[in-house]
Amino acid sequence: MIASIGLKKKKRIKKMHAFDYLNYIILGLFALFTLYPFWYVLIGSFNNGQDFSGGGIWLWPRVFTTANYRVVFADDRLWLGLRNTVLKTVIGVITSLTFTSCTAYGLSSSRLRFKKVFHWINLFTMFFSGGLIPYFMVISMIGLYDNFLVYVIPSIYSVYNMLVMSSFFKSIPSDINEAAVIDGAREFTIWWKIYVPLSKPCLATIGLWIAVGHWNSYLGTMLYTQGTDLLTLQYYLVKLIKQASVPVLEGDLGQIQKETSATTISFAAIVISTIPIFTLYPFIQKYFSKGIMIGSLKG
């Protein structure tokens, strides 16, 4: 009897091991399919452009060169786009987190009058909008067209982010809030000195979402600017890929240009544009893994 029970346990363990191995294989394939396009872009950016056009490059560069990066770095539009993108991302994250957290604090407070009315007004704007043409007309009428503030003001507030942050604020014990009120603290003091420090995981997570959104956005540049002085990095990439042409350079760079192609130069620009986001993530990883679970538990 004992021997048969032992055999059943061994069979069950073997089945679990087989199931685990199958999971590893499936997840490994998913990881491969996800990561390989990035790897392909990376090796293409370090390969000779003329050689790359012949095809057959899959795992590593066949003719290694840094000419693609030198051509991209010599293009003034890259630095203009990078400057504008960094500015709009930093300013956008700070302003959006400020406005979103203020609204979330107010709507999560039990002392706010007509809270349900404000809540439904926010939800209405989340699901219904005026459309692209009326939106463009409003942007033009208030003087935001071809203005740097068009990158900041329209995206300064997100109802979805507010709801996520409000859910986190509600998880903070109300006794802390009540104790601060008894001590004479005003609403701004409670928000700034209590809720903001306690909400670092939430702020880091939502801040990352906002930063990625600002960094990857190019429609704002295409629709609401003339695309010259307010050129952003992603719109620079769009123009580079659509034009399918190599920037015209002179001198030594003109000789280097012979080692490149429009495709490999686009790959180099894509790699350059993704590096800042990749370097940002490790610094907020400890907050992100905790903040991503916001709202999953209710007490």
Protein backbone atom coordinates (compact mmCIF):
# COMPACT_ATOMS: atom_id res chain seq x y z
CA MET A 1 0.00 0.00 0.00
CA ILE A 2 2.76 2.43 0.99
CA ALA A 3 4.75 1.45 -2.10
CA SER A 4 1.80 2.20 -4.41
CA ILE A 5 1.32 5.62 -2.78
CA GLY A 6 5.02 6.34 -3.30
CA LEU A 7 4.77 5.38 -6.98
CA LYS A 8 1.77 7.67 -7.46
CA LYS A 9 3.67 10.57 -5.88
CA LYS A 10 6.66 9.94 -8.14
CA LYS A 11 4.43 9.84 -11.22
CA ARG A 12 2.77 13.08 -10.11
CA ILE A 13 6.18 14.71 -9.62
CA LYS A 14 7.28 13.54 -13.07
CA LYS A 15 4.11 14.94 -14.60
CA MET A 16 4.67 18.26 -12.83
CA HIS A 17 8.24 18.33 -14.09
CA ALA A 18 7.09 17.64 -17.64
CA PHE A 19 4.47 20.38 -17.35
CA ASP A 20 7.10 22.79 -16.04
CA TYR A 21 9.45 21.96 -18.90
CA LEU A 22 6.65 22.56 -21.39
CA ASN A 23 5.98 25.94 -19.77
CA TYR A 24 9.68 26.82 -19.98
CA ILE A 25 9.75 25.93 -23.66
CA ILE A 26 6.63 27.94 -24.48
CA LEU A 27 7.73 30.98 -22.45
CA GLY A 28 11.21 30.71 -23.95
CA LEU A 29 9.75 30.81 -27.46
CA PHE A 30 7.61 33.82 -26.54
CA ALA A 31 10.70 35.56 -25.14
CA LEU A 32 12.64 34.73 -28.31
CA PHE A 33 9.92 36.08 -30.59
CA THR A 34 9.74 39.23 -28.45
CA LEU A 35 13.46 39.93 -28.12
CA TYR A 36 14.69 38.89 -31.56
CA PRO A 37 13.31 41.96 -33.40
CA PHE A 38 15.31 44.16 -31.01
CA TRP A 39 18.40 42.04 -31.59
CA TYR A 40 17.88 42.19 -35.38
CA VAL A 41 17.67 45.99 -35.26
CA LEU A 42 20.81 46.12 -33.09
CA ILE A 43 22.95 43.92 -35.35
CA GLY A 44 21.64 45.73 -38.42
CA SER A 45 22.69 49.07 -36.97
CA PHE A 46 26.28 47.81 -36.62
CA ASN A 47 26.45 46.23 -40.08
CA ASN A 48 27.65 47.75 -43.34
CA GLY A 49 24.59 49.15 -45.08
CA GLN A 50 25.48 47.92 -48.56
CA ASP A 51 26.23 44.44 -47.23
CA PHE A 52 23.01 44.40 -45.20
CA SER A 53 20.99 45.07 -48.34
CA GLY A 54 22.13 41.68 -49.66
CA GLY A 55 20.30 39.89 -46.83
CA GLY A 56 21.33 36.75 -44.98
CA ILE A 57 22.15 38.49 -41.67
CA TRP A 58 20.32 36.88 -38.76
CA LEU A 59 22.45 36.48 -35.61
CA TRP A 60 25.37 38.95 -35.71
CA PRO A 61 26.87 41.63 -37.97
CA ARG A 62 28.63 40.25 -41.02
CA VAL A 63 30.61 43.40 -41.84
CA PHE A 64 30.94 45.36 -38.60
CA THR A 65 30.93 49.16 -38.78
CA THR A 66 29.92 52.16 -36.70
CA ALA A 67 29.31 54.31 -39.77
CA ASN A 68 25.54 54.26 -39.28
CA TYR A 69 25.84 55.81 -35.83
CA ARG A 70 28.35 58.40 -37.01
CA VAL A 71 25.99 59.49 -39.78
CA VAL A 72 23.05 59.73 -37.36
CA PHE A 73 25.07 61.65 -34.77
CA ALA A 74 26.16 64.10 -37.49
CA ASP A 75 22.52 64.92 -38.30
CA ASP A 76 21.48 68.09 -36.44
CA ARG A 77 17.84 67.00 -36.53
CA LEU A 78 18.64 64.14 -34.16
CA TRP A 79 19.97 66.47 -31.47
CA LEU A 80 17.06 68.89 -31.93
CA GLY A 81 14.57 66.04 -31.62
CA LEU A 82 16.39 64.57 -28.63
CA ARG A 83 16.41 67.92 -26.81
CA ASN A 84 12.71 68.53 -27.41
CA THR A 85 11.78 64.97 -26.46
CA VAL A 86 13.74 65.06 -23.20
CA LEU A 87 12.21 68.43 -22.28
CA LYS A 88 8.64 67.40 -23.02
CA THR A 89 9.09 64.08 -21.20
CA VAL A 90 10.55 65.62 -18.03
CA ILE A 91 8.08 68.52 -17.92
CA GLY A 92 5.19 66.23 -18.88
CA VAL A 93 5.93 63.71 -16.13
CA ILE A 94 6.27 66.36 -13.41
CA THR A 95 3.14 68.31 -14.35
CA SER A 96 1.02 65.23 -15.05
CA LEU A 97 1.95 63.53 -11.77
CA THR A 98 1.21 66.75 -9.88
CA PHE A 99 -2.23 67.34 -11.37
CA THR A 100 -3.19 63.67 -11.36
CA SER A 101 -2.17 63.09 -7.74
CA CYS A 102 -3.93 66.27 -6.58
CA THR A 103 -7.18 65.19 -8.25
CA ALA A 104 -6.82 61.62 -6.99
CA TYR A 105 -6.32 62.86 -3.44
CA GLY A 106 -9.41 65.05 -3.63
CA LEU A 107 -11.65 62.34 -5.10
CA SER A 108 -10.40 59.76 -2.59
CA SER A 109 -11.20 62.01 0.38
CA SER A 110 -14.44 61.45 2.29
CA ARG A 111 -14.59 65.18 3.08
CA LEU A 112 -15.12 66.23 -0.55
CA ARG A 113 -18.66 67.41 -1.29
CA PHE A 114 -20.38 66.18 -4.46
CA LYS A 115 -17.65 63.61 -4.89
CA LYS A 116 -19.84 61.30 -6.98
CA VAL A 117 -20.70 64.13 -9.37
CA PHE A 118 -17.04 64.91 -9.99
CA HIS A 119 -16.33 61.20 -10.34
CA TRP A 120 -18.94 60.75 -13.07
CA ILE A 121 -17.78 63.88 -14.88
CA ASN A 122 -14.29 62.38 -15.03
CA LEU A 123 -15.61 59.06 -16.29
CA PHE A 124 -17.65 60.80 -19.00
CA THR A 125 -14.55 62.53 -20.39
CA MET A 126 -12.73 59.20 -20.32
CA PHE A 127 -15.18 57.50 -22.69
CA PHE A 128 -16.40 60.39 -24.86
CA SER A 129 -14.46 63.03 -26.77
CA GLY A 130 -15.23 65.68 -29.38
CA GLY A 131 -13.21 64.08 -32.15
CA LEU A 132 -9.98 64.96 -33.91
CA ILE A 133 -11.14 67.96 -35.95
CA PRO A 134 -12.86 69.80 -33.03
CA TYR A 135 -9.81 68.98 -30.90
CA PHE A 136 -7.52 70.51 -33.53
CA MET A 137 -9.75 73.61 -33.69
CA VAL A 138 -9.56 74.02 -29.90
CA ILE A 139 -5.77 73.64 -29.99
CA SER A 140 -5.57 76.39 -32.63
CA MET A 141 -8.04 78.72 -30.88
CA ILE A 142 -6.21 78.70 -27.54
CA GLY A 143 -2.85 79.35 -29.20
CA LEU A 144 -1.22 75.97 -28.70
CA TYR A 145 -0.62 75.20 -32.37
CA ASP A 146 3.12 75.11 -33.08
CA ASN A 147 3.74 75.92 -29.41
CA PHE A 148 5.86 73.78 -27.09
CA LEU A 149 3.04 73.75 -24.53
CA VAL A 150 1.01 71.59 -26.92
CA TYR A 151 3.19 68.71 -25.71
CA VAL A 152 2.35 69.41 -22.06
CA ILE A 153 -1.12 70.90 -21.49
CA PRO A 154 -3.36 68.48 -23.47
CA SER A 155 -1.79 65.46 -21.75
CA ILE A 156 -1.42 66.99 -18.31
CA TYR A 157 -4.24 64.90 -16.87
CA SER A 158 -5.33 61.29 -17.39
CA VAL A 159 -8.55 59.95 -15.89
CA TYR A 160 -7.25 56.39 -16.00
CA ASN A 161 -4.08 57.31 -14.10
CA MET A 162 -6.20 59.28 -11.63
CA LEU A 163 -8.40 56.25 -10.94
CA VAL A 164 -5.35 54.05 -10.36
CA MET A 165 -3.79 56.60 -8.03
CA SER A 166 -7.08 57.18 -6.23
CA SER A 167 -7.33 53.45 -5.59
CA PHE A 168 -3.87 53.53 -4.02
CA PHE A 169 -4.73 56.56 -1.86
CA LYS A 170 -7.82 54.76 -0.55
CA SER A 171 -5.58 51.89 0.62
CA ILE A 172 -3.73 54.29 2.95
CA PRO A 173 -5.26 54.01 6.47
CA SER A 174 -7.77 56.79 7.09
CA ASP A 175 -6.49 57.10 10.67
CA ILE A 176 -3.36 58.82 9.34
CA ASN A 177 -5.47 61.39 7.53
CA GLU A 178 -7.72 61.98 10.53
CA ALA A 179 -4.74 62.37 12.87
CA ALA A 180 -3.24 65.00 10.56
CA VAL A 181 -6.54 66.90 10.46
CA ILE A 182 -6.74 66.86 14.28
CA ASP A 183 -3.19 68.24 14.42
CA GLY A 184 -4.30 71.17 12.27
CA ALA A 185 -2.80 70.13 8.93
CA ARG A 186 -4.44 71.56 5.84
CA GLU A 187 -5.30 69.54 2.73
CA PHE A 188 -2.18 70.59 0.81
CA THR A 189 0.04 69.63 3.75
CA ILE A 190 -1.64 66.23 4.08
CA TRP A 191 -1.25 65.57 0.35
CA TRP A 192 2.35 66.74 0.10
CA LYS A 193 3.83 65.48 3.37
CA ILE A 194 1.81 62.29 3.93
CA TYR A 195 0.23 60.92 0.77
CA VAL A 196 3.03 61.70 -1.70
CA PRO A 197 5.82 60.09 0.39
CA LEU A 198 3.66 57.02 1.06
CA SER A 199 2.81 56.69 -2.64
CA LYS A 200 6.29 56.28 -4.13
CA PRO A 201 5.51 52.89 -5.75
CA CYS A 202 2.34 54.29 -7.30
CA LEU A 203 4.00 57.51 -8.45
CA ALA A 204 6.97 55.63 -9.92
CA THR A 205 4.73 53.24 -11.84
CA ILE A 206 2.44 55.90 -13.26
CA GLY A 207 5.43 58.16 -13.88
CA LEU A 208 6.97 55.43 -16.02
CA TRP A 209 3.74 55.05 -17.99
CA ILE A 210 3.63 58.81 -18.59
CA ALA A 211 7.32 58.98 -19.53
CA VAL A 212 7.02 56.15 -22.06
CA GLY A 213 3.92 57.78 -23.54
CA HIS A 214 5.66 61.14 -23.96
CA TRP A 215 8.85 59.56 -25.27
CA ASN A 216 7.12 57.43 -27.92
CA SER A 217 4.55 60.00 -29.05
CA TYR A 218 4.90 61.56 -32.49
CA LEU A 219 1.29 62.35 -33.46
CA GLY A 220 1.39 65.60 -31.48
CA THR A 221 4.33 66.78 -33.57
CA MET A 222 2.74 65.65 -36.82
CA LEU A 223 -0.70 67.17 -36.17
CA TYR A 224 -0.14 70.22 -33.98
CA THR A 225 3.24 71.61 -35.07
CA GLN A 226 5.02 72.49 -38.28
CA GLY A 227 7.65 69.89 -37.42
CA THR A 228 10.69 72.18 -37.58
CA ASP A 229 11.83 73.80 -34.33
CA LEU A 230 9.52 71.53 -32.30
CA LEU A 231 10.70 68.33 -33.97
CA THR A 232 10.71 65.33 -31.60
CA LEU A 233 12.88 62.25 -31.71
CA GLN A 234 10.10 59.84 -32.68
CA TYR A 235 8.85 62.09 -35.47
CA TYR A 236 12.42 62.35 -36.70
CA LEU A 237 12.44 58.54 -36.91
CA VAL A 238 9.13 58.54 -38.77
CA LYS A 239 10.47 61.00 -41.34
CA LEU A 240 13.71 59.07 -41.64
CA ILE A 241 11.90 55.78 -42.31
CA LYS A 242 9.28 57.26 -44.65
CA GLN A 243 11.80 59.18 -46.72
CA ALA A 244 13.97 56.03 -47.00
CA SER A 245 16.93 58.26 -47.77
CA VAL A 246 20.32 58.90 -46.23
CA PRO A 247 21.08 62.42 -44.95
CA VAL A 248 23.44 64.22 -47.33
CA LEU A 249 26.81 64.79 -45.69
CA GLU A 250 30.13 66.18 -46.88
CA GLY A 251 33.83 65.61 -46.28
CA ASP A 252 34.97 62.55 -44.35
CA LEU A 253 31.39 61.77 -43.36
CA GLY A 254 30.53 61.69 -47.05
CA GLN A 255 32.98 58.81 -47.44
CA ILE A 256 31.57 57.08 -44.35
CA GLN A 257 28.14 57.47 -45.88
CA LYS A 258 29.06 54.97 -48.57
CA GLU A 259 29.10 52.25 -45.90
CA THR A 260 25.50 52.95 -44.90
CA SER A 261 21.97 52.57 -46.21
CA ALA A 262 18.63 54.11 -45.29
CA THR A 263 17.62 50.93 -43.46
CA THR A 264 20.74 50.60 -41.30
CA ILE A 265 20.70 54.32 -40.49
CA SER A 266 17.07 53.95 -39.37
CA PHE A 267 18.12 50.99 -37.21
CA ALA A 268 20.85 53.09 -35.58
CA ALA A 269 18.40 55.91 -34.87
CA ILE A 270 15.92 53.43 -33.36
CA VAL A 271 18.59 52.03 -31.03
CA ILE A 272 19.57 55.54 -29.93
CA SER A 273 15.94 56.44 -29.22
CA THR A 274 15.30 53.36 -27.05
CA ILE A 275 18.42 53.61 -24.86
CA PRO A 276 17.05 56.29 -22.46
CA ILE A 277 13.94 54.24 -21.61
CA PHE A 278 16.00 51.10 -21.07
CA THR A 279 18.38 52.96 -18.74
CA LEU A 280 15.48 54.50 -16.80
CA TYR A 281 13.76 51.24 -15.87
CA PRO A 282 16.43 49.74 -13.50
CA PHE A 283 16.28 52.81 -11.25
CA ILE A 284 12.54 52.44 -10.59
CA GLN A 285 12.26 48.67 -10.85
CA LYS A 286 11.93 48.26 -7.07
CA TYR A 287 8.92 50.57 -7.11
CA PHE A 288 7.46 49.30 -10.38
CA SER A 289 7.06 45.66 -9.28
CA LYS A 290 5.09 46.83 -6.24
CA GLY A 291 3.14 49.62 -7.88
CA ILE A 292 1.94 47.48 -10.79
CA MET A 293 -0.25 45.51 -8.33
CA ILE A 294 -2.22 48.63 -7.38
CA GLY A 295 -5.89 47.87 -7.05
CA SER A 296 -5.49 44.08 -7.24
CA LEU A 297 -6.25 43.66 -3.53
CA LYS A 298 -9.09 45.22 -1.61
CA GLY A 299 -9.27 45.35 2.14
